[in-house]
Amino acid sequence: KLASPLVQQTQLLAQARGLATVGAQQP
């Protein structure tokens, strides 16, 4: 429970940089 906000924040930061693979559009 304590680590879940940190994981969500990391995913948002990765999506902003264009490096996220979760939910990324396939070529």
PDB file of all heavy atoms in Angstrom:
ATOM      1  N   LYS A   1       0.824  -1.202   0.000  1.00  0.00           N
ATOM      2  CA  LYS A   1       0.000   0.000   0.000  1.00  0.00           C
ATOM      3  C   LYS A   1       0.861   1.257   0.000  1.00  0.00           C
ATOM      4  O   LYS A   1       0.548   2.267  -0.632  1.00  0.00           O
ATOM      5  CB  LYS A   1      -0.912  -0.011   1.226  1.00  0.00           C
ATOM      6  CG  LYS A   1      -2.021  -1.044   1.142  1.00  0.00           C
ATOM      7  CD  LYS A   1      -2.908  -0.971   2.382  1.00  0.00           C
ATOM      8  CE  LYS A   1      -4.027  -2.011   2.311  1.00  0.00           C
ATOM      9  NZ  LYS A   1      -4.916  -1.965   3.503  1.00  0.00           N
ATOM     10  N   LEU A   2       1.960   1.197   0.747  1.00  0.00           N
ATOM     11  CA  LEU A   2       2.838   2.360   0.781  1.00  0.00           C
ATOM     12  C   LEU A   2       3.604   2.570  -0.539  1.00  0.00           C
ATOM     13  O   LEU A   2       3.905   3.703  -0.937  1.00  0.00           O
ATOM     14  CB  LEU A   2       3.844   2.204   1.945  1.00  0.00           C
ATOM     15  CG  LEU A   2       3.254   2.222   3.354  1.00  0.00           C
ATOM     16  CD1 LEU A   2       4.342   1.926   4.383  1.00  0.00           C
ATOM     17  CD2 LEU A   2       2.614   3.589   3.641  1.00  0.00           C
ATOM     18  N   ALA A   3       3.892   1.452  -1.275  1.00  0.00           N
ATOM     19  CA  ALA A   3       4.678   1.567  -2.511  1.00  0.00           C
ATOM     20  C   ALA A   3       3.829   1.837  -3.741  1.00  0.00           C
ATOM     21  O   ALA A   3       4.358   2.251  -4.774  1.00  0.00           O
ATOM     22  CB  ALA A   3       5.483   0.283  -2.729  1.00  0.00           C
ATOM     23  N   SER A   4       2.547   1.618  -3.658  1.00  0.00           N
ATOM     24  CA  SER A   4       1.710   1.810  -4.847  1.00  0.00           C
ATOM     25  C   SER A   4       1.699   3.250  -5.357  1.00  0.00           C
ATOM     26  O   SER A   4       1.770   3.502  -6.567  1.00  0.00           O
ATOM     27  CB  SER A   4       0.283   1.321  -4.559  1.00  0.00           C
ATOM     28  OG  SER A   4      -0.261   2.035  -3.458  1.00  0.00           O
ATOM     29  N   PRO A   5       1.618   4.289  -4.506  1.00  0.00           N
ATOM     30  CA  PRO A   5       1.705   5.662  -5.049  1.00  0.00           C
ATOM     31  C   PRO A   5       3.039   5.940  -5.755  1.00  0.00           C
ATOM     32  O   PRO A   5       3.111   6.650  -6.749  1.00  0.00           O
ATOM     33  CB  PRO A   5       1.520   6.544  -3.808  1.00  0.00           C
ATOM     34  CG  PRO A   5       0.822   5.680  -2.826  1.00  0.00           C
ATOM     35  CD  PRO A   5       1.370   4.297  -3.057  1.00  0.00           C
ATOM     36  N   LEU A   6       4.118   5.338  -5.232  1.00  0.00           N
ATOM     37  CA  LEU A   6       5.426   5.541  -5.865  1.00  0.00           C
ATOM     38  C   LEU A   6       5.494   4.884  -7.227  1.00  0.00           C
ATOM     39  O   LEU A   6       6.062   5.440  -8.174  1.00  0.00           O
ATOM     40  CB  LEU A   6       6.515   4.990  -4.938  1.00  0.00           C
ATOM     41  CG  LEU A   6       7.966   5.167  -5.420  1.00  0.00           C
ATOM     42  CD1 LEU A   6       8.288   6.654  -5.562  1.00  0.00           C
ATOM     43  CD2 LEU A   6       8.922   4.506  -4.435  1.00  0.00           C
ATOM     44  N   VAL A   7       4.881   3.690  -7.330  1.00  0.00           N
ATOM     45  CA  VAL A   7       4.867   3.008  -8.646  1.00  0.00           C
ATOM     46  C   VAL A   7       4.045   3.798  -9.663  1.00  0.00           C
ATOM     47  O   VAL A   7       4.431   3.964 -10.825  1.00  0.00           O
ATOM     48  CB  VAL A   7       4.327   1.580  -8.477  1.00  0.00           C
ATOM     49  CG1 VAL A   7       4.125   0.919  -9.840  1.00  0.00           C
ATOM     50  CG2 VAL A   7       5.275   0.760  -7.626  1.00  0.00           C
ATOM     51  N   GLN A   8       2.881   4.319  -9.251  1.00  0.00           N
ATOM     52  CA  GLN A   8       2.054   5.111 -10.169  1.00  0.00           C
ATOM     53  C   GLN A   8       2.778   6.370 -10.616  1.00  0.00           C
ATOM     54  O   GLN A   8       2.715   6.779 -11.777  1.00  0.00           O
ATOM     55  CB  GLN A   8       0.750   5.463  -9.470  1.00  0.00           C
ATOM     56  CG  GLN A   8      -0.147   4.257  -9.207  1.00  0.00           C
ATOM     57  CD  GLN A   8      -1.430   4.650  -8.483  1.00  0.00           C
ATOM     58  OE1 GLN A   8      -1.627   5.827  -8.158  1.00  0.00           O
ATOM     59  NE2 GLN A   8      -2.278   3.659  -8.213  1.00  0.00           N
ATOM     60  N   GLN A   9       3.485   7.015  -9.697  1.00  0.00           N
ATOM     61  CA  GLN A   9       4.234   8.218 -10.053  1.00  0.00           C
ATOM     62  C   GLN A   9       5.350   7.903 -11.045  1.00  0.00           C
ATOM     63  O   GLN A   9       5.616   8.673 -11.979  1.00  0.00           O
ATOM     64  CB  GLN A   9       4.799   8.846  -8.784  1.00  0.00           C
ATOM     65  CG  GLN A   9       5.479  10.185  -9.027  1.00  0.00           C
ATOM     66  CD  GLN A   9       5.961  10.796  -7.739  1.00  0.00           C
ATOM     67  OE1 GLN A   9       5.811  10.196  -6.665  1.00  0.00           O
ATOM     68  NE2 GLN A   9       6.529  11.999  -7.821  1.00  0.00           N
ATOM     69  N   THR A  10       5.993   6.752 -10.873  1.00  0.00           N
ATOM     70  CA  THR A  10       7.061   6.352 -11.806  1.00  0.00           C
ATOM     71  C   THR A  10       6.512   6.078 -13.209  1.00  0.00           C
ATOM     72  O   THR A  10       7.110   6.441 -14.228  1.00  0.00           O
ATOM     73  CB  THR A  10       7.780   5.107 -11.266  1.00  0.00           C
ATOM     74  OG1 THR A  10       8.246   5.373  -9.939  1.00  0.00           O
ATOM     75  CG2 THR A  10       8.948   4.731 -12.157  1.00  0.00           C
ATOM     76  N   GLN A  11       5.323   5.429 -13.265  1.00  0.00           N
ATOM     77  CA  GLN A  11       4.708   5.166 -14.574  1.00  0.00           C
ATOM     78  C   GLN A  11       4.305   6.452 -15.282  1.00  0.00           C
ATOM     79  O   GLN A  11       4.475   6.599 -16.494  1.00  0.00           O
ATOM     80  CB  GLN A  11       3.502   4.256 -14.387  1.00  0.00           C
ATOM     81  CG  GLN A  11       3.865   2.821 -13.995  1.00  0.00           C
ATOM     82  CD  GLN A  11       2.628   1.952 -13.822  1.00  0.00           C
ATOM     83  OE1 GLN A  11       1.509   2.466 -13.867  1.00  0.00           O
ATOM     84  NE2 GLN A  11       2.856   0.657 -13.598  1.00  0.00           N
ATOM     85  N   LEU A  12       3.738   7.401 -14.540  1.00  0.00           N
ATOM     86  CA  LEU A  12       3.373   8.684 -15.143  1.00  0.00           C
ATOM     87  C   LEU A  12       4.597   9.421 -15.681  1.00  0.00           C
ATOM     88  O   LEU A  12       4.560  10.038 -16.757  1.00  0.00           O
ATOM     89  CB  LEU A  12       2.640   9.539 -14.102  1.00  0.00           C
ATOM     90  CG  LEU A  12       1.250   9.038 -13.674  1.00  0.00           C
ATOM     91  CD1 LEU A  12       0.688   9.927 -12.578  1.00  0.00           C
ATOM     92  CD2 LEU A  12       0.306   9.025 -14.879  1.00  0.00           C
ATOM     93  N   LEU A  13       5.684   9.367 -14.940  1.00  0.00           N
ATOM     94  CA  LEU A  13       6.908  10.021 -15.401  1.00  0.00           C
ATOM     95  C   LEU A  13       7.452   9.353 -16.659  1.00  0.00           C
ATOM     96  O   LEU A  13       7.935  10.020 -17.594  1.00  0.00           O
ATOM     97  CB  LEU A  13       7.948   9.998 -14.281  1.00  0.00           C
ATOM     98  CG  LEU A  13       9.289  10.702 -14.587  1.00  0.00           C
ATOM     99  CD1 LEU A  13       9.039  12.179 -14.860  1.00  0.00           C
ATOM    100  CD2 LEU A  13      10.257  10.523 -13.413  1.00  0.00           C
ATOM    101  N   ALA A  14       7.366   8.019 -16.718  1.00  0.00           N
ATOM    102  CA  ALA A  14       7.860   7.296 -17.910  1.00  0.00           C
ATOM    103  C   ALA A  14       6.996   7.585 -19.125  1.00  0.00           C
ATOM    104  O   ALA A  14       7.492   7.713 -20.251  1.00  0.00           O
ATOM    105  CB  ALA A  14       7.900   5.793 -17.609  1.00  0.00           C
ATOM    106  N   GLN A  15       5.655   7.676 -18.911  1.00  0.00           N
ATOM    107  CA  GLN A  15       4.778   8.011 -20.035  1.00  0.00           C
ATOM    108  C   GLN A  15       5.055   9.407 -20.561  1.00  0.00           C
ATOM    109  O   GLN A  15       4.977   9.678 -21.755  1.00  0.00           O
ATOM    110  CB  GLN A  15       3.322   7.884 -19.592  1.00  0.00           C
ATOM    111  CG  GLN A  15       2.863   6.449 -19.371  1.00  0.00           C
ATOM    112  CD  GLN A  15       1.414   6.371 -18.914  1.00  0.00           C
ATOM    113  OE1 GLN A  15       0.759   7.402 -18.812  1.00  0.00           O
ATOM    114  NE2 GLN A  15       0.951   5.154 -18.624  1.00  0.00           N
ATOM    115  N   ALA A  16       5.356  10.318 -19.687  1.00  0.00           N
ATOM    116  CA  ALA A  16       5.669  11.686 -20.122  1.00  0.00           C
ATOM    117  C   ALA A  16       6.939  11.731 -20.947  1.00  0.00           C
ATOM    118  O   ALA A  16       7.086  12.543 -21.858  1.00  0.00           O
ATOM    119  CB  ALA A  16       5.798  12.595 -18.888  1.00  0.00           C
ATOM    120  N   ARG A  17       7.900  10.851 -20.640  1.00  0.00           N
ATOM    121  CA  ARG A  17       9.146  10.805 -21.411  1.00  0.00           C
ATOM    122  C   ARG A  17       9.026   9.953 -22.672  1.00  0.00           C
ATOM    123  O   ARG A  17       9.966   9.902 -23.473  1.00  0.00           O
ATOM    124  CB  ARG A  17      10.274  10.265 -20.541  1.00  0.00           C
ATOM    125  CG  ARG A  17      10.639  11.168 -19.384  1.00  0.00           C
ATOM    126  CD  ARG A  17      11.757  10.545 -18.565  1.00  0.00           C
ATOM    127  NE  ARG A  17      12.142  11.430 -17.457  1.00  0.00           N
ATOM    128  CZ  ARG A  17      13.088  11.125 -16.576  1.00  0.00           C
ATOM    129  NH1 ARG A  17      13.743   9.963 -16.692  1.00  0.00           N
ATOM    130  NH2 ARG A  17      13.371  11.958 -15.605  1.00  0.00           N
ATOM    131  N   GLY A  18       7.902   9.250 -22.885  1.00  0.00           N
ATOM    132  CA  GLY A  18       7.710   8.422 -24.072  1.00  0.00           C
ATOM    133  C   GLY A  18       8.379   7.087 -24.008  1.00  0.00           C
ATOM    134  O   GLY A  18       8.678   6.480 -25.033  1.00  0.00           O
ATOM    135  N   LEU A  19       8.658   6.592 -22.804  1.00  0.00           N
ATOM    136  CA  LEU A  19       9.371   5.334 -22.667  1.00  0.00           C
ATOM    137  C   LEU A  19       8.499   4.229 -22.095  1.00  0.00           C
ATOM    138  O   LEU A  19       8.988   3.144 -21.795  1.00  0.00           O
ATOM    139  CB  LEU A  19      10.604   5.503 -21.768  1.00  0.00           C
ATOM    140  CG  LEU A  19      11.646   6.499 -22.254  1.00  0.00           C
ATOM    141  CD1 LEU A  19      12.764   6.620 -21.227  1.00  0.00           C
ATOM    142  CD2 LEU A  19      12.194   6.049 -23.602  1.00  0.00           C
ATOM    143  N   ALA A  20       7.206   4.501 -21.921  1.00  0.00           N
ATOM    144  CA  ALA A  20       6.356   3.498 -21.295  1.00  0.00           C
ATOM    145  C   ALA A  20       6.031   2.414 -22.295  1.00  0.00           C
ATOM    146  O   ALA A  20       5.820   2.673 -23.470  1.00  0.00           O
ATOM    147  CB  ALA A  20       5.078   4.151 -20.770  1.00  0.00           C
ATOM    148  N   THR A  21       5.962   1.182 -21.792  1.00  0.00           N
ATOM    149  CA  THR A  21       5.599   0.055 -22.633  1.00  0.00           C
ATOM    150  C   THR A  21       4.212  -0.466 -22.339  1.00  0.00           C
ATOM    151  O   THR A  21       3.652  -1.232 -23.124  1.00  0.00           O
ATOM    152  CB  THR A  21       6.601  -1.097 -22.423  1.00  0.00           C
ATOM    153  OG1 THR A  21       6.584  -1.486 -21.055  1.00  0.00           O
ATOM    154  CG2 THR A  21       7.997  -0.667 -22.824  1.00  0.00           C
ATOM    155  N   VAL A  22       3.649  -0.049 -21.193  1.00  0.00           N
ATOM    156  CA  VAL A  22       2.326  -0.519 -20.828  1.00  0.00           C
ATOM    157  C   VAL A  22       1.297   0.259 -21.619  1.00  0.00           C
ATOM    158  O   VAL A  22       1.274   1.493 -21.593  1.00  0.00           O
ATOM    159  CB  VAL A  22       2.077  -0.363 -19.315  1.00  0.00           C
ATOM    160  CG1 VAL A  22       0.671  -0.848 -18.956  1.00  0.00           C
ATOM    161  CG2 VAL A  22       3.139  -1.117 -18.536  1.00  0.00           C
ATOM    162  N   GLY A  23       0.473  -0.436 -22.352  1.00  0.00           N
ATOM    163  CA  GLY A  23      -0.556   0.226 -23.143  1.00  0.00           C
ATOM    164  C   GLY A  23      -0.026   0.953 -24.361  1.00  0.00           C
ATOM    165  O   GLY A  23      -0.738   1.741 -24.966  1.00  0.00           O
ATOM    166  N   ALA A  24       1.254   0.778 -24.752  1.00  0.00           N
ATOM    167  CA  ALA A  24       1.822   1.459 -25.924  1.00  0.00           C
ATOM    168  C   ALA A  24       1.235   0.893 -27.198  1.00  0.00           C
ATOM    169  O   ALA A  24       0.945  -0.297 -27.292  1.00  0.00           O
ATOM    170  CB  ALA A  24       3.342   1.307 -25.920  1.00  0.00           C
ATOM    171  N   GLN A  25       1.057   1.750 -28.179  1.00  0.00           N
ATOM    172  CA  GLN A  25       0.486   1.336 -29.467  1.00  0.00           C
ATOM    173  C   GLN A  25       1.514   0.524 -30.247  1.00  0.00           C
ATOM    174  O   GLN A  25       2.662   0.941 -30.402  1.00  0.00           O
ATOM    175  CB  GLN A  25       0.060   2.571 -30.271  1.00  0.00           C
ATOM    176  CG  GLN A  25      -0.652   2.199 -31.558  1.00  0.00           C
ATOM    177  CD  GLN A  25      -1.065   3.434 -32.327  1.00  0.00           C
ATOM    178  OE1 GLN A  25      -0.775   4.544 -31.886  1.00  0.00           O
ATOM    179  NE2 GLN A  25      -1.748   3.234 -33.427  1.00  0.00           N
ATOM    180  N   GLN A  26       1.069  -0.651 -30.713  1.00  0.00           N
ATOM    181  CA  GLN A  26       1.958  -1.507 -31.476  1.00  0.00           C
ATOM    182  C   GLN A  26       2.204  -0.905 -32.858  1.00  0.00           C
ATOM    183  O   GLN A  26       1.340  -0.210 -33.409  1.00  0.00           O
ATOM    184  CB  GLN A  26       1.349  -2.901 -31.623  1.00  0.00           C
ATOM    185  CG  GLN A  26       1.180  -3.620 -30.302  1.00  0.00           C
ATOM    186  CD  GLN A  26       2.518  -3.875 -29.635  1.00  0.00           C
ATOM    187  OE1 GLN A  26       3.508  -4.107 -30.328  1.00  0.00           O
ATOM    188  NE2 GLN A  26       2.551  -3.824 -28.299  1.00  0.00           N
ATOM    189  N   PRO A  27       3.365  -1.171 -33.454  1.00  0.00           N
ATOM    190  CA  PRO A  27       3.646  -0.629 -34.801  1.00  0.00           C
ATOM    191  C   PRO A  27       2.663  -1.166 -35.818  1.00  0.00           C
ATOM    192  O   PRO A  27       2.314  -2.348 -35.800  1.00  0.00           O
ATOM    193  CB  PRO A  27       5.076  -1.112 -35.087  1.00  0.00           C
ATOM    194  CG  PRO A  27       5.304  -2.221 -34.129  1.00  0.00           C
ATOM    195  CD  PRO A  27       4.482  -1.926 -32.918  1.00  0.00           C
TER     196      PRO A  27
END
